[in-house]
Amino acid sequence: MRFTAVRDERNFVKHVATRERRMEPIKLSAGEVKARMDRGERFVFVDVRRLKEWIEAGSRLPGAIRMASDEVEEHLKEVPLGRTIITYCDSPNEASSTQVAMELMRRGFLNVHPLIGGMDAWRLSGGPVEPV
């Protein structure tokens, strides 16, 4: 009986680990993030654009950390623990920002969300930006 319980527990742990690897982060709208900022919530913004795109754009979300999908390892120490992380890019389908969000989640960051519509949606919502 004890053997069965241990085996079942191992199967459960494998099942949970498999589901977590497949889970995608919950995306947030620009309006929702802006409303939460207006209520005083602090975010860590992660701009996943490549350096050239980032410089050409000329602006970023407040205090954003630039971290392209192939540069996550290099920038991990810049991301503070315990804060909600919002990843964003210029792509309207959030592909790059979702990829970086999933990588951050795999590395132990818990509250990570791609921004629906990226930088364009943020500007349309009237969210603050700053120069790069």
N, C-alpha and C. Protein backbone atom coordinates (compact mmCIF):
# COMPACT_ATOMS: atom_id res chain seq x y z
N MET A 1 0.82 -1.19 0.00
CA MET A 1 0.00 0.00 0.00
C MET A 1 0.87 1.26 0.00
N ARG A 2 1.88 1.29 0.84
CA ARG A 2 2.77 2.45 0.89
C ARG A 2 3.47 2.64 -0.44
N PHE A 3 3.89 1.56 -1.07
CA PHE A 3 4.55 1.64 -2.36
C PHE A 3 3.65 2.31 -3.40
N THR A 4 2.40 1.98 -3.38
CA THR A 4 1.43 2.56 -4.32
C THR A 4 1.32 4.07 -4.09
N ALA A 5 1.26 4.48 -2.83
CA ALA A 5 1.14 5.90 -2.52
C ALA A 5 2.36 6.67 -3.02
N VAL A 6 3.55 6.11 -2.83
CA VAL A 6 4.77 6.76 -3.29
C VAL A 6 4.78 6.83 -4.81
N ARG A 7 4.42 5.74 -5.46
CA ARG A 7 4.39 5.73 -6.92
C ARG A 7 3.37 6.74 -7.44
N ASP A 8 2.19 6.78 -6.82
CA ASP A 8 1.17 7.73 -7.23
C ASP A 8 1.64 9.17 -7.04
N GLU A 9 2.36 9.42 -5.95
CA GLU A 9 2.88 10.76 -5.71
C GLU A 9 3.90 11.14 -6.78
N ARG A 10 4.76 10.21 -7.15
CA ARG A 10 5.74 10.48 -8.20
C ARG A 10 5.04 10.78 -9.52
N ASN A 11 4.01 10.00 -9.84
CA ASN A 11 3.26 10.25 -11.07
C ASN A 11 2.61 11.62 -11.03
N PHE A 12 2.08 11.99 -9.87
CA PHE A 12 1.45 13.29 -9.73
C PHE A 12 2.47 14.41 -9.95
N VAL A 13 3.65 14.27 -9.35
CA VAL A 13 4.70 15.28 -9.50
C VAL A 13 5.10 15.39 -10.97
N LYS A 14 5.24 14.26 -11.67
CA LYS A 14 5.57 14.30 -13.10
C LYS A 14 4.47 15.00 -13.88
N HIS A 15 3.22 14.70 -13.54
CA HIS A 15 2.08 15.30 -14.22
C HIS A 15 2.08 16.82 -14.04
N VAL A 16 2.29 17.29 -12.82
CA VAL A 16 2.31 18.72 -12.54
C VAL A 16 3.46 19.39 -13.28
N ALA A 17 4.64 18.78 -13.26
CA ALA A 17 5.81 19.35 -13.94
C ALA A 17 5.57 19.45 -15.44
N THR A 18 4.93 18.46 -16.02
CA THR A 18 4.62 18.48 -17.45
C THR A 18 3.64 19.59 -17.77
N ARG A 19 2.61 19.73 -16.95
CA ARG A 19 1.62 20.79 -17.17
C ARG A 19 2.27 22.16 -17.04
N GLU A 20 3.15 22.34 -16.06
CA GLU A 20 3.79 23.64 -15.86
C GLU A 20 4.67 24.02 -17.05
N ARG A 21 5.32 23.04 -17.66
CA ARG A 21 6.16 23.33 -18.82
C ARG A 21 5.30 23.79 -19.99
N ARG A 22 4.07 23.30 -20.08
CA ARG A 22 3.20 23.66 -21.20
C ARG A 22 2.38 24.92 -20.92
N MET A 23 2.30 25.35 -19.69
CA MET A 23 1.45 26.48 -19.34
C MET A 23 2.00 27.77 -19.92
N GLU A 24 1.08 28.57 -20.43
CA GLU A 24 1.46 29.88 -20.92
C GLU A 24 1.06 30.92 -19.88
N PRO A 25 1.80 32.00 -19.83
CA PRO A 25 1.46 33.05 -18.86
C PRO A 25 0.15 33.74 -19.25
N ILE A 26 -0.51 34.31 -18.28
CA ILE A 26 -1.75 35.05 -18.52
C ILE A 26 -1.39 36.43 -19.05
N LYS A 27 -1.97 36.77 -20.19
CA LYS A 27 -1.71 38.07 -20.80
C LYS A 27 -2.60 39.13 -20.18
N LEU A 28 -2.04 40.34 -20.04
CA LEU A 28 -2.79 41.46 -19.48
C LEU A 28 -2.93 42.56 -20.52
N SER A 29 -4.06 43.25 -20.48
CA SER A 29 -4.28 44.36 -21.41
C SER A 29 -3.55 45.61 -20.89
N ALA A 30 -3.29 46.51 -21.82
CA ALA A 30 -2.65 47.77 -21.45
C ALA A 30 -3.52 48.55 -20.48
N GLY A 31 -4.83 48.53 -20.71
CA GLY A 31 -5.75 49.24 -19.82
C GLY A 31 -5.70 48.70 -18.40
N GLU A 32 -5.62 47.37 -18.27
CA GLU A 32 -5.55 46.76 -16.94
C GLU A 32 -4.25 47.13 -16.23
N VAL A 33 -3.13 47.05 -16.94
CA VAL A 33 -1.84 47.39 -16.33
C VAL A 33 -1.83 48.86 -15.93
N LYS A 34 -2.30 49.72 -16.81
CA LYS A 34 -2.33 51.15 -16.51
C LYS A 34 -3.21 51.43 -15.29
N ALA A 35 -4.38 50.80 -15.22
CA ALA A 35 -5.28 51.00 -14.07
C ALA A 35 -4.61 50.55 -12.77
N ARG A 36 -3.91 49.43 -12.83
CA ARG A 36 -3.22 48.94 -11.63
C ARG A 36 -2.08 49.89 -11.24
N MET A 37 -1.40 50.46 -12.24
CA MET A 37 -0.35 51.46 -11.95
C MET A 37 -0.97 52.69 -11.29
N ASP A 38 -2.12 53.11 -11.82
CA ASP A 38 -2.79 54.28 -11.26
C ASP A 38 -3.20 54.06 -9.80
N ARG A 39 -3.41 52.79 -9.42
CA ARG A 39 -3.75 52.47 -8.03
C ARG A 39 -2.50 52.28 -7.17
N GLY A 40 -1.32 52.47 -7.76
CA GLY A 40 -0.09 52.42 -6.99
C GLY A 40 0.72 51.14 -7.10
N GLU A 41 0.25 50.17 -7.88
CA GLU A 41 1.02 48.93 -8.02
C GLU A 41 2.28 49.21 -8.85
N ARG A 42 3.38 48.62 -8.41
CA ARG A 42 4.65 48.80 -9.11
C ARG A 42 4.95 47.56 -9.94
N PHE A 43 5.41 47.79 -11.15
CA PHE A 43 5.72 46.70 -12.08
C PHE A 43 7.18 46.75 -12.49
N VAL A 44 7.65 45.62 -12.95
CA VAL A 44 8.93 45.55 -13.65
C VAL A 44 8.56 45.33 -15.11
N PHE A 45 8.96 46.26 -15.98
CA PHE A 45 8.68 46.12 -17.40
C PHE A 45 9.91 45.53 -18.08
N VAL A 46 9.67 44.53 -18.91
CA VAL A 46 10.75 43.88 -19.66
C VAL A 46 10.45 44.07 -21.14
N ASP A 47 11.29 44.84 -21.80
CA ASP A 47 11.17 45.14 -23.22
C ASP A 47 11.96 44.07 -23.98
N VAL A 48 11.28 43.27 -24.77
CA VAL A 48 11.95 42.13 -25.41
C VAL A 48 12.42 42.44 -26.84
N ARG A 49 12.39 43.71 -27.21
CA ARG A 49 12.87 44.07 -28.55
C ARG A 49 14.39 43.94 -28.63
N ARG A 50 14.86 43.64 -29.82
CA ARG A 50 16.30 43.59 -30.05
C ARG A 50 16.87 45.00 -29.94
N LEU A 51 18.15 45.11 -29.70
CA LEU A 51 18.79 46.40 -29.45
C LEU A 51 18.51 47.40 -30.57
N LYS A 52 18.65 46.99 -31.82
CA LYS A 52 18.42 47.90 -32.94
C LYS A 52 16.99 48.43 -32.94
N GLU A 53 16.00 47.55 -32.75
CA GLU A 53 14.59 47.96 -32.72
C GLU A 53 14.33 48.91 -31.54
N TRP A 54 14.95 48.59 -30.43
CA TRP A 54 14.78 49.37 -29.20
C TRP A 54 15.29 50.79 -29.40
N ILE A 55 16.49 50.92 -29.96
CA ILE A 55 17.08 52.24 -30.19
C ILE A 55 16.26 53.02 -31.22
N GLU A 56 15.85 52.35 -32.30
CA GLU A 56 15.07 53.02 -33.34
C GLU A 56 13.72 53.50 -32.82
N ALA A 57 13.12 52.76 -31.90
CA ALA A 57 11.82 53.13 -31.35
C ALA A 57 11.92 54.41 -30.53
N GLY A 58 13.02 54.57 -29.82
CA GLY A 58 13.25 55.79 -29.07
C GLY A 58 12.52 55.91 -27.74
N SER A 59 11.63 54.95 -27.43
CA SER A 59 10.93 55.03 -26.16
C SER A 59 10.69 53.64 -25.59
N ARG A 60 10.41 53.63 -24.30
CA ARG A 60 10.17 52.38 -23.59
C ARG A 60 9.17 52.66 -22.47
N LEU A 61 8.65 51.60 -21.87
CA LEU A 61 7.81 51.75 -20.69
C LEU A 61 8.71 52.15 -19.53
N PRO A 62 8.16 52.77 -18.50
CA PRO A 62 8.98 53.33 -17.41
C PRO A 62 9.94 52.30 -16.78
N GLY A 63 11.23 52.62 -16.85
CA GLY A 63 12.26 51.79 -16.22
C GLY A 63 12.47 50.43 -16.85
N ALA A 64 11.98 50.24 -18.06
CA ALA A 64 12.03 48.90 -18.69
C ALA A 64 13.46 48.37 -18.82
N ILE A 65 13.57 47.08 -18.60
CA ILE A 65 14.81 46.34 -18.79
C ILE A 65 14.74 45.74 -20.18
N ARG A 66 15.73 45.99 -21.03
CA ARG A 66 15.73 45.38 -22.35
C ARG A 66 16.30 43.98 -22.27
N MET A 67 15.52 43.00 -22.76
CA MET A 67 15.91 41.61 -22.65
C MET A 67 15.32 40.83 -23.83
N ALA A 68 16.07 40.73 -24.91
CA ALA A 68 15.61 39.95 -26.06
C ALA A 68 15.54 38.47 -25.68
N SER A 69 14.81 37.70 -26.46
CA SER A 69 14.57 36.29 -26.10
C SER A 69 15.85 35.48 -25.99
N ASP A 70 16.90 35.85 -26.72
CA ASP A 70 18.16 35.10 -26.62
C ASP A 70 19.13 35.72 -25.61
N GLU A 71 18.65 36.69 -24.82
CA GLU A 71 19.51 37.37 -23.84
C GLU A 71 19.00 37.24 -22.41
N VAL A 72 18.07 36.34 -22.18
CA VAL A 72 17.46 36.22 -20.85
C VAL A 72 18.51 35.96 -19.79
N GLU A 73 19.37 35.01 -20.03
CA GLU A 73 20.40 34.64 -19.05
C GLU A 73 21.26 35.84 -18.66
N GLU A 74 21.60 36.67 -19.63
CA GLU A 74 22.47 37.82 -19.39
C GLU A 74 21.82 38.88 -18.49
N HIS A 75 20.49 38.93 -18.47
CA HIS A 75 19.80 40.02 -17.78
C HIS A 75 19.02 39.57 -16.54
N LEU A 76 19.11 38.33 -16.16
CA LEU A 76 18.31 37.83 -15.03
C LEU A 76 18.55 38.61 -13.74
N LYS A 77 19.79 38.97 -13.49
CA LYS A 77 20.11 39.66 -12.23
C LYS A 77 19.52 41.06 -12.17
N GLU A 78 19.09 41.60 -13.31
CA GLU A 78 18.49 42.94 -13.34
C GLU A 78 17.03 42.92 -12.90
N VAL A 79 16.41 41.75 -12.91
CA VAL A 79 14.98 41.64 -12.63
C VAL A 79 14.78 41.43 -11.13
N PRO A 80 14.14 42.40 -10.46
CA PRO A 80 13.91 42.25 -9.02
C PRO A 80 12.88 41.15 -8.73
N LEU A 81 13.09 40.47 -7.64
CA LEU A 81 12.17 39.41 -7.23
C LEU A 81 10.95 40.01 -6.53
N GLY A 82 9.85 39.30 -6.58
CA GLY A 82 8.68 39.68 -5.81
C GLY A 82 7.80 40.76 -6.40
N ARG A 83 8.06 41.16 -7.64
CA ARG A 83 7.22 42.17 -8.28
C ARG A 83 6.58 41.57 -9.52
N THR A 84 5.46 42.11 -9.92
CA THR A 84 4.80 41.67 -11.15
C THR A 84 5.63 42.13 -12.33
N ILE A 85 5.87 41.21 -13.25
CA ILE A 85 6.69 41.49 -14.42
C ILE A 85 5.77 41.54 -15.64
N ILE A 86 5.91 42.60 -16.44
CA ILE A 86 5.17 42.76 -17.68
C ILE A 86 6.16 42.73 -18.83
N THR A 87 6.03 41.75 -19.71
CA THR A 87 6.89 41.68 -20.89
C THR A 87 6.14 42.29 -22.06
N TYR A 88 6.87 42.98 -22.94
CA TYR A 88 6.21 43.57 -24.10
C TYR A 88 7.18 43.68 -25.27
N CYS A 89 6.59 43.83 -26.46
CA CYS A 89 7.36 43.99 -27.69
C CYS A 89 6.55 44.85 -28.65
N ASP A 90 6.98 44.92 -29.91
CA ASP A 90 6.24 45.66 -30.92
C ASP A 90 5.26 44.78 -31.68
N SER A 91 5.36 43.48 -31.50
CA SER A 91 4.50 42.55 -32.23
C SER A 91 3.09 42.54 -31.64
N PRO A 92 2.06 42.71 -32.48
CA PRO A 92 0.69 42.72 -31.95
C PRO A 92 0.21 41.36 -31.43
N ASN A 93 0.93 40.28 -31.78
CA ASN A 93 0.50 38.96 -31.31
C ASN A 93 1.27 38.48 -30.08
N GLU A 94 2.12 39.30 -29.53
CA GLU A 94 2.86 39.03 -28.29
C GLU A 94 3.75 37.79 -28.35
N ALA A 95 4.16 37.35 -29.52
CA ALA A 95 4.96 36.12 -29.62
C ALA A 95 6.27 36.22 -28.84
N SER A 96 7.03 37.27 -29.07
CA SER A 96 8.32 37.41 -28.39
C SER A 96 8.15 37.63 -26.90
N SER A 97 7.18 38.46 -26.53
CA SER A 97 7.00 38.74 -25.10
C SER A 97 6.49 37.51 -24.37
N THR A 98 5.69 36.69 -25.03
CA THR A 98 5.23 35.44 -24.40
C THR A 98 6.40 34.47 -24.23
N GLN A 99 7.26 34.42 -25.22
CA GLN A 99 8.44 33.54 -25.14
C GLN A 99 9.33 33.92 -23.96
N VAL A 100 9.60 35.20 -23.81
CA VAL A 100 10.44 35.66 -22.69
C VAL A 100 9.72 35.43 -21.37
N ALA A 101 8.41 35.69 -21.32
CA ALA A 101 7.65 35.46 -20.09
C ALA A 101 7.73 34.00 -19.67
N MET A 102 7.59 33.09 -20.63
CA MET A 102 7.67 31.66 -20.30
C MET A 102 9.06 31.29 -19.80
N GLU A 103 10.08 31.87 -20.39
CA GLU A 103 11.45 31.59 -19.94
C GLU A 103 11.67 32.10 -18.52
N LEU A 104 11.16 33.28 -18.22
CA LEU A 104 11.28 33.80 -16.86
C LEU A 104 10.53 32.92 -15.87
N MET A 105 9.36 32.44 -16.26
CA MET A 105 8.60 31.53 -15.39
C MET A 105 9.38 30.23 -15.15
N ARG A 106 10.01 29.71 -16.19
CA ARG A 106 10.81 28.49 -16.04
C ARG A 106 11.98 28.71 -15.08
N ARG A 107 12.41 29.95 -14.97
CA ARG A 107 13.55 30.27 -14.10
C ARG A 107 13.11 30.73 -12.71
N GLY A 108 11.83 30.57 -12.41
CA GLY A 108 11.35 30.79 -11.06
C GLY A 108 10.60 32.08 -10.79
N PHE A 109 10.48 32.94 -11.77
CA PHE A 109 9.69 34.16 -11.58
C PHE A 109 8.22 33.77 -11.70
N LEU A 110 7.42 34.19 -10.73
CA LEU A 110 6.06 33.66 -10.62
C LEU A 110 4.99 34.51 -11.28
N ASN A 111 5.11 35.80 -11.23
CA ASN A 111 4.03 36.69 -11.65
C ASN A 111 4.47 37.44 -12.92
N VAL A 112 4.44 36.74 -14.06
CA VAL A 112 4.95 37.29 -15.31
C VAL A 112 3.83 37.29 -16.34
N HIS A 113 3.63 38.44 -17.01
CA HIS A 113 2.52 38.59 -17.94
C HIS A 113 2.94 39.33 -19.20
N PRO A 114 2.69 38.76 -20.38
CA PRO A 114 2.88 39.52 -21.61
C PRO A 114 1.80 40.60 -21.73
N LEU A 115 2.16 41.72 -22.34
CA LEU A 115 1.24 42.83 -22.54
C LEU A 115 0.51 42.63 -23.87
N ILE A 116 -0.80 42.51 -23.82
CA ILE A 116 -1.59 42.31 -25.03
C ILE A 116 -1.44 43.54 -25.94
N GLY A 117 -1.07 43.30 -27.18
CA GLY A 117 -0.93 44.40 -28.14
C GLY A 117 0.39 45.14 -28.07
N GLY A 118 1.22 44.81 -27.10
CA GLY A 118 2.55 45.38 -26.99
C GLY A 118 2.58 46.90 -26.85
N MET A 119 3.64 47.47 -27.39
CA MET A 119 3.90 48.90 -27.25
C MET A 119 2.79 49.74 -27.88
N ASP A 120 2.24 49.31 -29.01
CA ASP A 120 1.16 50.07 -29.65
C ASP A 120 -0.05 50.19 -28.74
N ALA A 121 -0.45 49.09 -28.13
CA ALA A 121 -1.61 49.10 -27.22
C ALA A 121 -1.32 49.99 -26.02
N TRP A 122 -0.07 49.96 -25.53
CA TRP A 122 0.30 50.79 -24.38
C TRP A 122 0.15 52.27 -24.72
N ARG A 123 0.66 52.66 -25.89
CA ARG A 123 0.54 54.07 -26.30
C ARG A 123 -0.92 54.47 -26.44
N LEU A 124 -1.74 53.60 -27.05
CA LEU A 124 -3.16 53.90 -27.23
C LEU A 124 -3.89 54.05 -25.89
N SER A 125 -3.44 53.34 -24.87
CA SER A 125 -4.08 53.42 -23.57
C SER A 125 -3.69 54.70 -22.81
N GLY A 126 -2.70 55.42 -23.34
CA GLY A 126 -2.22 56.62 -22.67
C GLY A 126 -1.22 56.32 -21.58
N GLY A 127 -0.65 55.13 -21.62
CA GLY A 127 0.34 54.75 -20.61
C GLY A 127 1.61 55.56 -20.76
N PRO A 128 2.32 55.78 -19.67
CA PRO A 128 3.54 56.59 -19.72
C PRO A 128 4.68 55.87 -20.46
N VAL A 129 5.47 56.64 -21.16
CA VAL A 129 6.68 56.13 -21.80
C VAL A 129 7.82 57.09 -21.46
N GLU A 130 9.02 56.60 -21.67
CA GLU A 130 10.20 57.44 -21.45
C GLU A 130 11.20 57.15 -22.55
N PRO A 131 12.14 58.06 -22.77
CA PRO A 131 13.15 57.82 -23.81
C PRO A 131 14.08 56.67 -23.42
N VAL A 132 14.62 56.00 -24.45
CA VAL A 132 15.56 54.91 -24.17
C VAL A 132 16.93 55.47 -23.89
